[in-house]
PDB file of N, CA and C in Angstrom:
ATOM      1  N   MET A   1     113.201 192.508 109.379  1.00  0.00           N
ATOM      2  CA  MET A   1     112.255 193.597 109.030  1.00  0.00           C
ATOM      3  C   MET A   1     111.904 194.408 110.264  1.00  0.00           C
ATOM      4  N   LYS A   2     111.851 195.648 110.172  1.00  0.00           N
ATOM      5  CA  LYS A   2     111.577 196.491 111.303  1.00  0.00           C
ATOM      6  C   LYS A   2     110.030 196.621 111.521  1.00  0.00           C
ATOM      7  N   ARG A   3     109.717 196.486 112.820  1.00  0.00           N
ATOM      8  CA  ARG A   3     108.212 196.600 113.166  1.00  0.00           C
ATOM      9  C   ARG A   3     107.835 198.064 113.402  1.00  0.00           C
ATOM     10  N   VAL A   4     106.616 198.379 112.862  1.00  0.00           N
ATOM     11  CA  VAL A   4     106.144 199.743 112.976  1.00  0.00           C
ATOM     12  C   VAL A   4     105.075 199.704 114.059  1.00  0.00           C
ATOM     13  N   ASP A   5     105.213 200.421 115.139  1.00  0.00           N
ATOM     14  CA  ASP A   5     104.305 200.497 116.241  1.00  0.00           C
ATOM     15  C   ASP A   5     103.363 201.674 116.206  1.00  0.00           C
ATOM     16  N   SER A   6     103.661 202.720 115.393  1.00  0.00           N
ATOM     17  CA  SER A   6     102.805 203.885 115.353  1.00  0.00           C
ATOM     18  C   SER A   6     102.422 204.188 113.862  1.00  0.00           C
ATOM     19  N   MET A   7     101.286 204.878 113.759  1.00  0.00           N
ATOM     20  CA  MET A   7     100.772 205.329 112.414  1.00  0.00           C
ATOM     21  C   MET A   7     101.417 206.678 112.060  1.00  0.00           C
ATOM     22  N   ASN A   8     101.823 206.730 110.766  1.00  0.00           N
ATOM     23  CA  ASN A   8     102.276 208.068 110.283  1.00  0.00           C
ATOM     24  C   ASN A   8     101.113 208.934 109.937  1.00  0.00           C
ATOM     25  N   VAL A   9     100.919 210.066 110.716  1.00  0.00           N
ATOM     26  CA  VAL A   9      99.752 210.965 110.571  1.00  0.00           C
ATOM     27  C   VAL A   9     100.016 212.175 109.655  1.00  0.00           C
ATOM     28  N   ILE A  10     101.242 212.298 109.239  1.00  0.00           N
ATOM     29  CA  ILE A  10     101.594 213.480 108.316  1.00  0.00           C
ATOM     30  C   ILE A  10     100.633 213.492 107.116  1.00  0.00           C
ATOM     31  N   PRO A  11     100.466 212.370 106.333  1.00  0.00           N
ATOM     32  CA  PRO A  11      99.590 212.391 105.204  1.00  0.00           C
ATOM     33  C   PRO A  11      98.097 212.714 105.603  1.00  0.00           C
ATOM     34  N   LEU A  12      97.681 212.195 106.732  1.00  0.00           N
ATOM     35  CA  LEU A  12      96.241 212.538 107.299  1.00  0.00           C
ATOM     36  C   LEU A  12      96.139 213.992 107.602  1.00  0.00           C
ATOM     37  N   ILE A  13      97.168 214.708 108.123  1.00  0.00           N
ATOM     38  CA  ILE A  13      97.142 216.058 108.403  1.00  0.00           C
ATOM     39  C   ILE A  13      97.012 216.952 107.085  1.00  0.00           C
ATOM     40  N   ASP A  14      97.780 216.396 106.099  1.00  0.00           N
ATOM     41  CA  ASP A  14      97.732 217.134 104.691  1.00  0.00           C
ATOM     42  C   ASP A  14      96.315 217.124 104.108  1.00  0.00           C
ATOM     43  N   VAL A  15      95.697 215.995 104.269  1.00  0.00           N
ATOM     44  CA  VAL A  15      94.377 215.778 103.667  1.00  0.00           C
ATOM     45  C   VAL A  15      93.388 216.583 104.452  1.00  0.00           C
ATOM     46  N   MET A  16      93.495 216.642 105.783  1.00  0.00           N
ATOM     47  CA  MET A  16      92.593 217.482 106.552  1.00  0.00           C
ATOM     48  C   MET A  16      92.801 218.996 106.275  1.00  0.00           C
ATOM     49  N   LEU A  17      94.016 219.432 105.988  1.00  0.00           N
ATOM     50  CA  LEU A  17      94.216 220.891 105.696  1.00  0.00           C
ATOM     51  C   LEU A  17      93.549 221.214 104.352  1.00  0.00           C
ATOM     52  N   VAL A  18      93.614 220.238 103.417  1.00  0.00           N
ATOM     53  CA  VAL A  18      92.985 220.561 102.075  1.00  0.00           C
ATOM     54  C   VAL A  18      91.496 220.568 102.260  1.00  0.00           C
ATOM     55  N   LEU A  19      90.914 219.655 102.989  1.00  0.00           N
ATOM     56  CA  LEU A  19      89.481 219.676 103.192  1.00  0.00           C
ATOM     57  C   LEU A  19      89.030 220.902 104.043  1.00  0.00           C
ATOM     58  N   LEU A  20      89.893 221.378 104.859  1.00  0.00           N
ATOM     59  CA  LEU A  20      89.526 222.592 105.609  1.00  0.00           C
ATOM     60  C   LEU A  20      89.512 223.788 104.626  1.00  0.00           C
ATOM     61  N   ALA A  21      90.477 223.930 103.818  1.00  0.00           N
ATOM     62  CA  ALA A  21      90.572 225.017 102.814  1.00  0.00           C
ATOM     63  C   ALA A  21      89.307 224.965 101.879  1.00  0.00           C
ATOM     64  N   ILE A  22      88.887 223.796 101.458  1.00  0.00           N
ATOM     65  CA  ILE A  22      87.695 223.617 100.596  1.00  0.00           C
ATOM     66  C   ILE A  22      86.465 224.106 101.324  1.00  0.00           C
ATOM     67  N   VAL A  23      86.264 223.724 102.669  1.00  0.00           N
ATOM     68  CA  VAL A  23      85.178 224.149 103.420  1.00  0.00           C
ATOM     69  C   VAL A  23      85.067 225.607 103.551  1.00  0.00           C
ATOM     70  N   LEU A  24      86.249 226.195 103.878  1.00  0.00           N
ATOM     71  CA  LEU A  24      86.277 227.709 104.120  1.00  0.00           C
ATOM     72  C   LEU A  24      85.964 228.472 102.773  1.00  0.00           C
ATOM     73  N   LEU A  25      86.424 227.927 101.641  1.00  0.00           N
ATOM     74  CA  LEU A  25      86.058 228.614 100.387  1.00  0.00           C
ATOM     75  C   LEU A  25      84.629 228.539  99.995  1.00  0.00           C
ATOM     76  N   THR A  26      84.095 227.310 100.243  1.00  0.00           N
ATOM     77  CA  THR A  26      82.633 227.159  99.831  1.00  0.00           C
ATOM     78  C   THR A  26      81.758 227.935 100.879  1.00  0.00           C
ATOM     79  N   ALA A  27      82.173 228.034 102.082  1.00  0.00           N
ATOM     80  CA  ALA A  27      81.383 228.644 103.175  1.00  0.00           C
ATOM     81  C   ALA A  27      81.215 230.163 102.851  1.00  0.00           C
ATOM     82  N   SER A  28      82.229 230.794 102.233  1.00  0.00           N
ATOM     83  CA  SER A  28      82.075 232.172 101.873  1.00  0.00           C
ATOM     84  C   SER A  28      81.077 232.484 100.859  1.00  0.00           C
ATOM     85  N   PHE A  29      80.842 231.518  99.939  1.00  0.00           N
ATOM     86  CA  PHE A  29      79.891 231.584  98.910  1.00  0.00           C
ATOM     87  C   PHE A  29      78.558 231.471  99.329  1.00  0.00           C
ATOM     88  N   ILE A  30      78.432 230.472 100.417  1.00  0.00           N
ATOM     89  CA  ILE A  30      77.134 230.287 100.999  1.00  0.00           C
ATOM     90  C   ILE A  30      76.647 231.423 101.753  1.00  0.00           C
ATOM     91  N   VAL A  31      77.484 232.115 102.541  1.00  0.00           N
ATOM     92  CA  VAL A  31      77.243 233.298 103.307  1.00  0.00           C
ATOM     93  C   VAL A  31      76.778 234.395 102.401  1.00  0.00           C
ATOM     94  N   HIS A  32      77.409 234.638 101.240  1.00  0.00           N
ATOM     95  CA  HIS A  32      77.084 235.722 100.424  1.00  0.00           C
ATOM     96  C   HIS A  32      75.595 235.612  99.899  1.00  0.00           C
ATOM     97  N   ASP A  33      75.058 234.423  99.681  1.00  0.00           N
ATOM     98  CA  ASP A  33      73.639 234.283  99.189  1.00  0.00           C
ATOM     99  C   ASP A  33      72.705 233.992 100.328  1.00  0.00           C
ATOM    100  N   LYS A  34      73.096 234.219 101.614  1.00  0.00           N
ATOM    101  CA  LYS A  34      72.333 233.832 102.751  1.00  0.00           C
ATOM    102  C   LYS A  34      71.346 234.991 103.114  1.00  0.00           C
ATOM    103  N   LEU A  35      71.471 236.089 102.671  1.00  0.00           N
ATOM    104  CA  LEU A  35      70.561 237.211 102.995  1.00  0.00           C
ATOM    105  C   LEU A  35      69.148 236.863 102.590  1.00  0.00           C
ATOM    106  N   ASP A  36      68.286 236.996 103.454  1.00  0.00           N
ATOM    107  CA  ASP A  36      66.914 236.661 103.179  1.00  0.00           C
ATOM    108  C   ASP A  36      66.118 237.843 102.525  1.00  0.00           C
ATOM    109  N   ILE A  37      66.511 238.029 101.292  1.00  0.00           N
ATOM    110  CA  ILE A  37      65.927 239.141 100.544  1.00  0.00           C
ATOM    111  C   ILE A  37      65.212 238.509  99.369  1.00  0.00           C
ATOM    112  N   GLU A  38      63.863 238.899  99.300  1.00  0.00           N
ATOM    113  CA  GLU A  38      63.079 238.435  98.113  1.00  0.00           C
ATOM    114  C   GLU A  38      62.967 239.626  97.262  1.00  0.00           C
ATOM    115  N   LEU A  39      63.602 239.521  96.088  1.00  0.00           N
ATOM    116  CA  LEU A  39      63.561 240.641  95.105  1.00  0.00           C
ATOM    117  C   LEU A  39      62.273 240.758  94.408  1.00  0.00           C
ATOM    118  N   PRO A  40      61.942 242.073  94.122  1.00  0.00           N
ATOM    119  CA  PRO A  40      60.615 242.193  93.315  1.00  0.00           C
ATOM    120  C   PRO A  40      60.636 241.502  92.008  1.00  0.00           C
ATOM    121  N   LYS A  41      59.535 241.057  91.506  1.00  0.00           N
ATOM    122  CA  LYS A  41      59.554 240.396  90.230  1.00  0.00           C
ATOM    123  C   LYS A  41      59.148 241.421  89.120  1.00  0.00           C
ATOM    124  N   THR A  42      59.784 241.364  87.993  1.00  0.00           N
ATOM    125  CA  THR A  42      59.583 242.233  86.909  1.00  0.00           C
ATOM    126  C   THR A  42      59.569 241.416  85.647  1.00  0.00           C
ATOM    127  N   GLU A  43      58.841 242.075  84.599  1.00  0.00           N
ATOM    128  CA  GLU A  43      58.761 241.386  83.380  1.00  0.00           C
ATOM    129  C   GLU A  43      59.534 242.138  82.217  1.00  0.00           C
ATOM    130  N   HIS A  44      59.843 243.420  82.401  1.00  0.00           N
ATOM    131  CA  HIS A  44      60.422 244.193  81.349  1.00  0.00           C
ATOM    132  C   HIS A  44      61.756 244.838  81.668  1.00  0.00           C
ATOM    133  N   THR A  45      62.561 244.111  82.413  1.00  0.00           N
ATOM    134  CA  THR A  45      63.798 244.567  82.775  1.00  0.00           C
ATOM    135  C   THR A  45      64.867 243.683  81.904  1.00  0.00           C
ATOM    136  N   GLN A  46      66.064 244.259  81.801  1.00  0.00           N
ATOM    137  CA  GLN A  46      67.113 243.646  81.092  1.00  0.00           C
ATOM    138  C   GLN A  46      67.996 242.781  81.996  1.00  0.00           C
ATOM    139  N   SER A  47      68.582 241.729  81.544  1.00  0.00           N
ATOM    140  CA  SER A  47      69.477 240.896  82.294  1.00  0.00           C
ATOM    141  C   SER A  47      70.681 241.686  82.564  1.00  0.00           C
ATOM    142  N   MET A  48      71.219 241.498  83.794  1.00  0.00           N
ATOM    143  CA  MET A  48      72.405 242.280  84.118  1.00  0.00           C
ATOM    144  C   MET A  48      73.621 241.709  83.416  1.00  0.00           C
ATOM    145  N   GLN A  49      74.433 242.592  82.823  1.00  0.00           N
ATOM    146  CA  GLN A  49      75.604 242.253  82.076  1.00  0.00           C
ATOM    147  C   GLN A  49      76.819 242.101  83.152  1.00  0.00           C
ATOM    148  N   GLN A  50      77.457 240.989  83.064  1.00  0.00           N
ATOM    149  CA  GLN A  50      78.668 240.899  83.945  1.00  0.00           C
ATOM    150  C   GLN A  50      79.834 241.692  83.311  1.00  0.00           C
ATOM    151  N   ASP A  51      80.481 242.391  84.114  1.00  0.00           N
ATOM    152  CA  ASP A  51      81.705 243.074  83.679  1.00  0.00           C
ATOM    153  C   ASP A  51      82.775 242.969  84.685  1.00  0.00           C
ATOM    154  N   ASN A  52      83.969 243.514  84.360  1.00  0.00           N
ATOM    155  CA  ASN A  52      85.104 243.406  85.237  1.00  0.00           C
ATOM    156  C   ASN A  52      85.312 244.424  86.325  1.00  0.00           C
ATOM    157  N   LYS A  53      84.290 245.360  86.323  1.00  0.00           N
ATOM    158  CA  LYS A  53      84.353 246.389  87.352  1.00  0.00           C
ATOM    159  C   LYS A  53      84.067 245.906  88.750  1.00  0.00           C
ATOM    160  N   LYS A  54      84.618 246.563  89.717  1.00  0.00           N
ATOM    161  CA  LYS A  54      84.353 246.257  91.132  1.00  0.00           C
ATOM    162  C   LYS A  54      83.084 246.943  91.466  1.00  0.00           C
ATOM    163  N   HIS A  55      82.205 246.198  92.115  1.00  0.00           N
ATOM    164  CA  HIS A  55      80.866 246.736  92.535  1.00  0.00           C
ATOM    165  C   HIS A  55      80.852 246.764  94.007  1.00  0.00           C
ATOM    166  N   GLN A  56      80.061 247.637  94.596  1.00  0.00           N
ATOM    167  CA  GLN A  56      79.792 247.620  96.080  1.00  0.00           C
ATOM    168  C   GLN A  56      78.327 247.082  96.013  1.00  0.00           C
ATOM    169  N   PHE A  57      78.068 246.115  96.879  1.00  0.00           N
ATOM    170  CA  PHE A  57      76.832 245.544  97.007  1.00  0.00           C
ATOM    171  C   PHE A  57      76.101 246.002  98.211  1.00  0.00           C
ATOM    172  N   LEU A  58      74.907 246.561  98.073  1.00  0.00           N
ATOM    173  CA  LEU A  58      74.130 247.034  99.073  1.00  0.00           C
ATOM    174  C   LEU A  58      72.859 246.233  99.134  1.00  0.00           C
ATOM    175  N   ALA A  59      72.303 246.117 100.337  1.00  0.00           N
ATOM    176  CA  ALA A  59      70.977 245.321 100.490  1.00  0.00           C
ATOM    177  C   ALA A  59      70.206 246.012 101.537  1.00  0.00           C
ATOM    178  N   LEU A  60      68.897 245.875 101.312  1.00  0.00           N
ATOM    179  CA  LEU A  60      67.899 246.474 102.245  1.00  0.00           C
ATOM    180  C   LEU A  60      67.010 245.312 102.502  1.00  0.00           C
ATOM    181  N   ASP A  61      66.885 244.779 103.769  1.00  0.00           N
ATOM    182  CA  ASP A  61      65.956 243.682 103.987  1.00  0.00           C
ATOM    183  C   ASP A  61      64.558 244.201 104.374  1.00  0.00           C
ATOM    184  N   HIS A  62      63.621 243.188 104.568  1.00  0.00           N
ATOM    185  CA  HIS A  62      62.170 243.564 104.867  1.00  0.00           C
ATOM    186  C   HIS A  62      62.073 244.360 106.156  1.00  0.00           C
ATOM    187  N   GLU A  63      62.998 244.249 107.027  1.00  0.00           N
ATOM    188  CA  GLU A  63      62.967 245.110 108.338  1.00  0.00           C
ATOM    189  C   GLU A  63      63.615 246.456 108.160  1.00  0.00           C
ATOM    190  N   GLY A  64      64.167 246.796 106.949  1.00  0.00           N
ATOM    191  CA  GLY A  64      64.858 248.039 106.756  1.00  0.00           C
ATOM    192  C   GLY A  64      66.260 248.048 107.256  1.00  0.00           C
ATOM    193  N   LYS A  65      66.893 246.915 107.482  1.00  0.00           N
ATOM    194  CA  LYS A  65      68.194 246.796 107.846  1.00  0.00           C
ATOM    195  C   LYS A  65      69.134 246.942 106.580  1.00  0.00           C
ATOM    196  N   ILE A  66      70.323 247.613 106.879  1.00  0.00           N
ATOM    197  CA  ILE A  66      71.152 247.776 105.692  1.00  0.00           C
ATOM    198  C   ILE A  66      72.370 246.777 105.715  1.00  0.00           C
ATOM    199  N   TYR A  67      72.658 246.261 104.615  1.00  0.00           N
ATOM    200  CA  TYR A  67      73.838 245.308 104.477  1.00  0.00           C
ATOM    201  C   TYR A  67      74.774 245.914 103.513  1.00  0.00           C
ATOM    202  N   TRP A  68      76.069 245.968 103.883  1.00  0.00           N
ATOM    203  CA  TRP A  68      77.133 246.409 102.990  1.00  0.00           C
ATOM    204  C   TRP A  68      78.000 245.174 102.683  1.00  0.00           C
ATOM    205  N   ASP A  69      77.983 244.758 101.412  1.00  0.00           N
ATOM    206  CA  ASP A  69      78.732 243.506 101.056  1.00  0.00           C
ATOM    207  C   ASP A  69      78.329 242.328 102.004  1.00  0.00           C
ATOM    208  N   SER A  70      77.066 242.123 102.252  1.00  0.00           N
ATOM    209  CA  SER A  70      76.494 241.079 103.060  1.00  0.00           C
ATOM    210  C   SER A  70      76.792 241.189 104.622  1.00  0.00           C
ATOM    211  N   GLN A  71      77.310 242.362 104.998  1.00  0.00           N
ATOM    212  CA  GLN A  71      77.487 242.562 106.420  1.00  0.00           C
ATOM    213  C   GLN A  71      76.567 243.668 106.959  1.00  0.00           C
ATOM    214  N   LEU A  72      75.885 243.312 108.015  1.00  0.00           N
ATOM    215  CA  LEU A  72      74.886 244.190 108.541  1.00  0.00           C
ATOM    216  C   LEU A  72      75.598 245.429 109.084  1.00  0.00           C
ATOM    217  N   ILE A  73      75.163 246.638 108.763  1.00  0.00           N
ATOM    218  CA  ILE A  73      75.755 247.885 109.358  1.00  0.00           C
ATOM    219  C   ILE A  73      74.709 248.824 109.723  1.00  0.00           C
ATOM    220  N   GLU A  74      75.081 249.683 110.683  1.00  0.00           N
ATOM    221  CA  GLU A  74      74.168 250.715 111.237  1.00  0.00           C
ATOM    222  C   GLU A  74      73.977 251.864 110.200  1.00  0.00           C
ATOM    223  N   LYS A  75      73.053 252.708 110.349  1.00  0.00           N
ATOM    224  CA  LYS A  75      72.739 253.806 109.396  1.00  0.00           C
ATOM    225  C   LYS A  75      73.989 254.808 109.448  1.00  0.00           C
ATOM    226  N   GLU A  76      74.553 255.120 110.638  1.00  0.00           N
ATOM    227  CA  GLU A  76      75.719 256.076 110.689  1.00  0.00           C
ATOM    228  C   GLU A  76      76.876 255.478 110.000  1.00  0.00           C
ATOM    229  N   GLN A  77      77.108 254.122 110.182  1.00  0.00           N
ATOM    230  CA  GLN A  77      78.291 253.535 109.438  1.00  0.00           C
ATOM    231  C   GLN A  77      78.002 253.575 107.997  1.00  0.00           C
ATOM    232  N   PHE A  78      76.774 253.453 107.523  1.00  0.00           N
ATOM    233  CA  PHE A  78      76.394 253.470 106.069  1.00  0.00           C
ATOM    234  C   PHE A  78      76.691 254.900 105.489  1.00  0.00           C
ATOM    235  N   LYS A  79      76.383 255.939 106.286  1.00  0.00           N
ATOM    236  CA  LYS A  79      76.613 257.214 105.777  1.00  0.00           C
ATOM    237  C   LYS A  79      78.150 257.526 105.741  1.00  0.00           C
ATOM    238  N   ASN A  80      78.916 257.029 106.666  1.00  0.00           N
ATOM    239  CA  ASN A  80      80.380 257.153 106.676  1.00  0.00           C
ATOM    240  C   ASN A  80      81.009 256.501 105.556  1.00  0.00           C
ATOM    241  N   LYS A  81      80.566 255.229 105.174  1.00  0.00           N
ATOM    242  CA  LYS A  81      81.096 254.452 104.127  1.00  0.00           C
ATOM    243  C   LYS A  81      80.782 255.058 102.772  1.00  0.00           C
ATOM    244  N   LEU A  82      79.580 255.752 102.614  1.00  0.00           N
ATOM    245  CA  LEU A  82      79.266 256.404 101.457  1.00  0.00           C
ATOM    246  C   LEU A  82      80.099 257.565 101.248  1.00  0.00           C
ATOM    247  N   ALA A  83      80.362 258.280 102.251  1.00  0.00           N
ATOM    248  CA  ALA A  83      81.352 259.534 102.192  1.00  0.00           C
ATOM    249  C   ALA A  83      82.646 259.094 101.652  1.00  0.00           C
ATOM    250  N   GLU A  84      83.124 257.935 102.004  1.00  0.00           N
ATOM    251  CA  GLU A  84      84.419 257.455 101.527  1.00  0.00           C
ATOM    252  C   GLU A  84      84.459 256.990 100.045  1.00  0.00           C
ATOM    253  N   LEU A  85      83.366 256.761  99.450  1.00  0.00           N
ATOM    254  CA  LEU A  85      83.313 256.157  98.077  1.00  0.00           C
ATOM    255  C   LEU A  85      83.619 257.245  97.026  1.00  0.00           C
ATOM    256  N   ASN A  86      84.216 256.762  96.014  1.00  0.00           N
ATOM    257  CA  ASN A  86      84.440 257.564  94.776  1.00  0.00           C
ATOM    258  C   ASN A  86      83.030 257.768  94.131  1.00  0.00           C
ATOM    259  N   LYS A  87      82.814 258.858  93.530  1.00  0.00           N
ATOM    260  CA  LYS A  87      81.597 259.160  92.861  1.00  0.00           C
ATOM    261  C   LYS A  87      81.188 258.177  91.663  1.00  0.00           C
ATOM    262  N   GLU A  88      82.385 257.565  91.044  1.00  0.00           N
ATOM    263  CA  GLU A  88      82.101 256.668  90.039  1.00  0.00           C
ATOM    264  C   GLU A  88      81.956 255.292  90.405  1.00  0.00           C
ATOM    265  N   THR A  89      81.975 255.048  91.664  1.00  0.00           N
ATOM    266  CA  THR A  89      81.771 253.598  92.109  1.00  0.00           C
ATOM    267  C   THR A  89      80.448 253.053  91.643  1.00  0.00           C
ATOM    268  N   SER A  90      80.531 251.826  91.183  1.00  0.00           N
ATOM    269  CA  SER A  90      79.334 251.093  90.749  1.00  0.00           C
ATOM    270  C   SER A  90      78.658 250.442  91.932  1.00  0.00           C
ATOM    271  N   LEU A  91      77.466 250.765  92.187  1.00  0.00           N
ATOM    272  CA  LEU A  91      76.634 250.231  93.323  1.00  0.00           C
ATOM    273  C   LEU A  91      75.587 249.346  92.809  1.00  0.00           C
ATOM    274  N   GLN A  92      75.437 248.180  93.453  1.00  0.00           N
ATOM    275  CA  GLN A  92      74.331 247.125  93.064  1.00  0.00           C
ATOM    276  C   GLN A  92      73.433 246.989  94.348  1.00  0.00           C
ATOM    277  N   LEU A  93      72.194 247.304  94.202  1.00  0.00           N
ATOM    278  CA  LEU A  93      71.277 247.426  95.242  1.00  0.00           C
ATOM    279  C   LEU A  93      70.192 246.376  95.205  1.00  0.00           C
ATOM    280  N   LYS A  94      70.103 245.519  96.216  1.00  0.00           N
ATOM    281  CA  LYS A  94      69.130 244.478  96.365  1.00  0.00           C
ATOM    282  C   LYS A  94      68.002 245.059  97.525  1.00  0.00           C
ATOM    283  N   VAL A  95      66.814 245.139  97.165  1.00  0.00           N
ATOM    284  CA  VAL A  95      65.792 245.723  98.117  1.00  0.00           C
ATOM    285  C   VAL A  95      64.721 244.589  98.171  1.00  0.00           C
ATOM    286  N   ASP A  96      64.450 244.177  99.383  1.00  0.00           N
ATOM    287  CA  ASP A  96      63.390 243.227  99.562  1.00  0.00           C
ATOM    288  C   ASP A  96      62.068 243.772  99.111  1.00  0.00           C
ATOM    289  N   GLN A  97      61.194 243.001  98.516  1.00  0.00           N
ATOM    290  CA  GLN A  97      59.915 243.547  98.033  1.00  0.00           C
ATOM    291  C   GLN A  97      58.979 243.961  99.154  1.00  0.00           C
ATOM    292  N   ALA A  98      59.231 243.509 100.384  1.00  0.00           N
ATOM    293  CA  ALA A  98      58.339 243.768 101.465  1.00  0.00           C
ATOM    294  C   ALA A  98      58.845 244.884 102.347  1.00  0.00           C
ATOM    295  N   VAL A  99      59.900 245.636 101.884  1.00  0.00           N
ATOM    296  CA  VAL A  99      60.414 246.731 102.765  1.00  0.00           C
ATOM    297  C   VAL A  99      59.484 247.898 102.641  1.00  0.00           C
ATOM    298  N   GLU A 100      59.459 248.566 103.691  1.00  0.00           N
ATOM    299  CA  GLU A 100      58.600 249.910 103.638  1.00  0.00           C
ATOM    300  C   GLU A 100      59.289 250.906 102.700  1.00  0.00           C
ATOM    301  N   PHE A 101      58.414 251.664 101.981  1.00  0.00           N
ATOM    302  CA  PHE A 101      59.005 252.524 100.935  1.00  0.00           C
ATOM    303  C   PHE A 101      59.848 253.538 101.576  1.00  0.00           C
ATOM    304  N   GLY A 102      59.471 253.980 102.841  1.00  0.00           N
ATOM    305  CA  GLY A 102      60.340 254.994 103.431  1.00  0.00           C
ATOM    306  C   GLY A 102      61.762 254.757 103.584  1.00  0.00           C
ATOM    307  N   HIS A 103      62.033 253.378 103.955  1.00  0.00           N
ATOM    308  CA  HIS A 103      63.454 252.907 104.120  1.00  0.00           C
ATOM    309  C   HIS A 103      64.160 252.999 102.788  1.00  0.00           C
ATOM    310  N   PHE A 104      63.468 252.649 101.666  1.00  0.00           N
ATOM    311  CA  PHE A 104      64.138 252.707 100.337  1.00  0.00           C
ATOM    312  C   PHE A 104      64.410 254.125  99.957  1.00  0.00           C
ATOM    313  N   VAL A 105      63.430 255.038 100.264  1.00  0.00           N
ATOM    314  CA  VAL A 105      63.670 256.432  99.958  1.00  0.00           C
ATOM    315  C   VAL A 105      64.789 256.928 100.736  1.00  0.00           C
ATOM    316  N   GLU A 106      64.947 256.692 102.082  1.00  0.00           N
ATOM    317  CA  GLU A 106      66.057 257.115 102.860  1.00  0.00           C
ATOM    318  C   GLU A 106      67.373 256.790 102.257  1.00  0.00           C
ATOM    319  N   MET A 107      67.501 255.521 101.861  1.00  0.00           N
ATOM    320  CA  MET A 107      68.715 254.953 101.264  1.00  0.00           C
ATOM    321  C   MET A 107      69.033 255.720  99.923  1.00  0.00           C
ATOM    322  N   ILE A 108      68.085 255.898  99.055  1.00  0.00           N
ATOM    323  CA  ILE A 108      68.312 256.545  97.790  1.00  0.00           C
ATOM    324  C   ILE A 108      68.631 258.005  98.082  1.00  0.00           C
ATOM    325  N   ASP A 109      68.117 258.592  99.168  1.00  0.00           N
ATOM    326  CA  ASP A 109      68.381 260.059  99.480  1.00  0.00           C
ATOM    327  C   ASP A 109      69.840 260.099  99.843  1.00  0.00           C
ATOM    328  N   GLN A 110      70.400 259.224 100.696  1.00  0.00           N
ATOM    329  CA  GLN A 110      71.756 259.196 101.108  1.00  0.00           C
ATOM    330  C   GLN A 110      72.663 259.054  99.845  1.00  0.00           C
ATOM    331  N   LEU A 111      72.296 258.146  98.937  1.00  0.00           N
ATOM    332  CA  LEU A 111      73.123 258.011  97.741  1.00  0.00           C
ATOM    333  C   LEU A 111      73.178 259.335  96.914  1.00  0.00           C
ATOM    334  N   LYS A 112      72.038 259.984  96.728  1.00  0.00           N
ATOM    335  CA  LYS A 112      71.942 261.261  96.027  1.00  0.00           C
ATOM    336  C   LYS A 112      72.736 262.374  96.822  1.00  0.00           C
ATOM    337  N   HIS A 113      72.737 262.373  98.174  1.00  0.00           N
ATOM    338  CA  HIS A 113      73.465 263.372  98.928  1.00  0.00           C
ATOM    339  C   HIS A 113      74.907 263.165  98.700  1.00  0.00           C
ATOM    340  N   HIS A 114      75.482 261.984  98.407  1.00  0.00           N
ATOM    341  CA  HIS A 114      76.876 261.753  98.188  1.00  0.00           C
ATOM    342  C   HIS A 114      77.184 261.666  96.695  1.00  0.00           C
ATOM    343  N   GLN A 115      76.216 262.086  95.858  1.00  0.00           N
ATOM    344  CA  GLN A 115      76.373 262.146  94.440  1.00  0.00           C
ATOM    345  C   GLN A 115      76.847 260.692  93.857  1.00  0.00           C
ATOM    346  N   LEU A 116      76.332 259.681  94.409  1.00  0.00           N
ATOM    347  CA  LEU A 116      76.537 258.289  93.895  1.00  0.00           C
ATOM    348  C   LEU A 116      75.345 257.853  92.994  1.00  0.00           C
ATOM    349  N   ASP A 117      75.613 258.115  91.744  1.00  0.00           N
ATOM    350  CA  ASP A 117      74.540 257.842  90.758  1.00  0.00           C
ATOM    351  C   ASP A 117      74.719 256.615  89.875  1.00  0.00           C
ATOM    352  N   ASN A 118      75.788 255.942  90.013  1.00  0.00           N
ATOM    353  CA  ASN A 118      76.066 254.728  89.193  1.00  0.00           C
ATOM    354  C   ASN A 118      75.423 253.600  89.966  1.00  0.00           C
ATOM    355  N   LEU A 119      74.017 253.452  89.879  1.00  0.00           N
ATOM    356  CA  LEU A 119      73.368 252.520  90.680  1.00  0.00           C
ATOM    357  C   LEU A 119      72.510 251.592  89.868  1.00  0.00           C
ATOM    358  N   THR A 120      72.605 250.263  90.156  1.00  0.00           N
ATOM    359  CA  THR A 120      71.711 249.236  89.642  1.00  0.00           C
ATOM    360  C   THR A 120      70.959 248.647  90.680  1.00  0.00           C
ATOM    361  N   ILE A 121      69.632 248.673  90.367  1.00  0.00           N
ATOM    362  CA  ILE A 121      68.603 248.082  91.326  1.00  0.00           C
ATOM    363  C   ILE A 121      68.332 246.704  90.784  1.00  0.00           C
ATOM    364  N   LEU A 122      68.585 245.645  91.582  1.00  0.00           N
ATOM    365  CA  LEU A 122      68.407 244.240  91.138  1.00  0.00           C
ATOM    366  C   LEU A 122      67.016 243.834  91.345  1.00  0.00           C
ATOM    367  N   THR A 123      66.469 243.091  90.393  1.00  0.00           N
ATOM    368  CA  THR A 123      65.148 242.555  90.461  1.00  0.00           C
ATOM    369  C   THR A 123      65.187 241.086  89.881  1.00  0.00           C
ATOM    370  N   GLU A 124      64.155 240.332  90.155  1.00  0.00           N
ATOM    371  CA  GLU A 124      64.015 239.038  89.435  1.00  0.00           C
ATOM    372  C   GLU A 124      63.022 238.965  88.333  1.00  0.00           C
ATOM    373  N   ARG A 125      63.410 238.336  87.283  1.00  0.00           N
ATOM    374  CA  ARG A 125      62.575 238.264  86.125  1.00  0.00           C
ATOM    375  C   ARG A 125      61.541 237.167  86.299  1.00  0.00           C
ATOM    376  N   HIS A 126      60.289 237.509  86.005  1.00  0.00           N
ATOM    377  CA  HIS A 126      59.141 236.520  86.041  1.00  0.00           C
ATOM    378  C   HIS A 126      59.528 235.264  85.194  1.00  0.00           C
TER     379      HIS A 126
END
């Protein structure tokens, strides 16, 4: 019988690659919900209906910082990205309840300037 002096690491590498893929997939979901935005509470709003349309996600945090699909962007970048969008693009906006009203008005003004009217403002139900 032949003596084995070393360990076969190929199956171990395969297992590690699968684990790495799982970690990377779950990490992207964790980052998406990591924005520290406390949505305003409402009583008389409808639940959002899920559809198959592609949405652009915008967020405005309590400091007035703008996020585009969970990525922090500057105001000039925001204006440039809005200019590139189709007027029919569906936008979903999360606004922290502690944000100054002026920041919110600036964002809505930019959306109106680019004629982006397909807007959903997300809130939390009581």
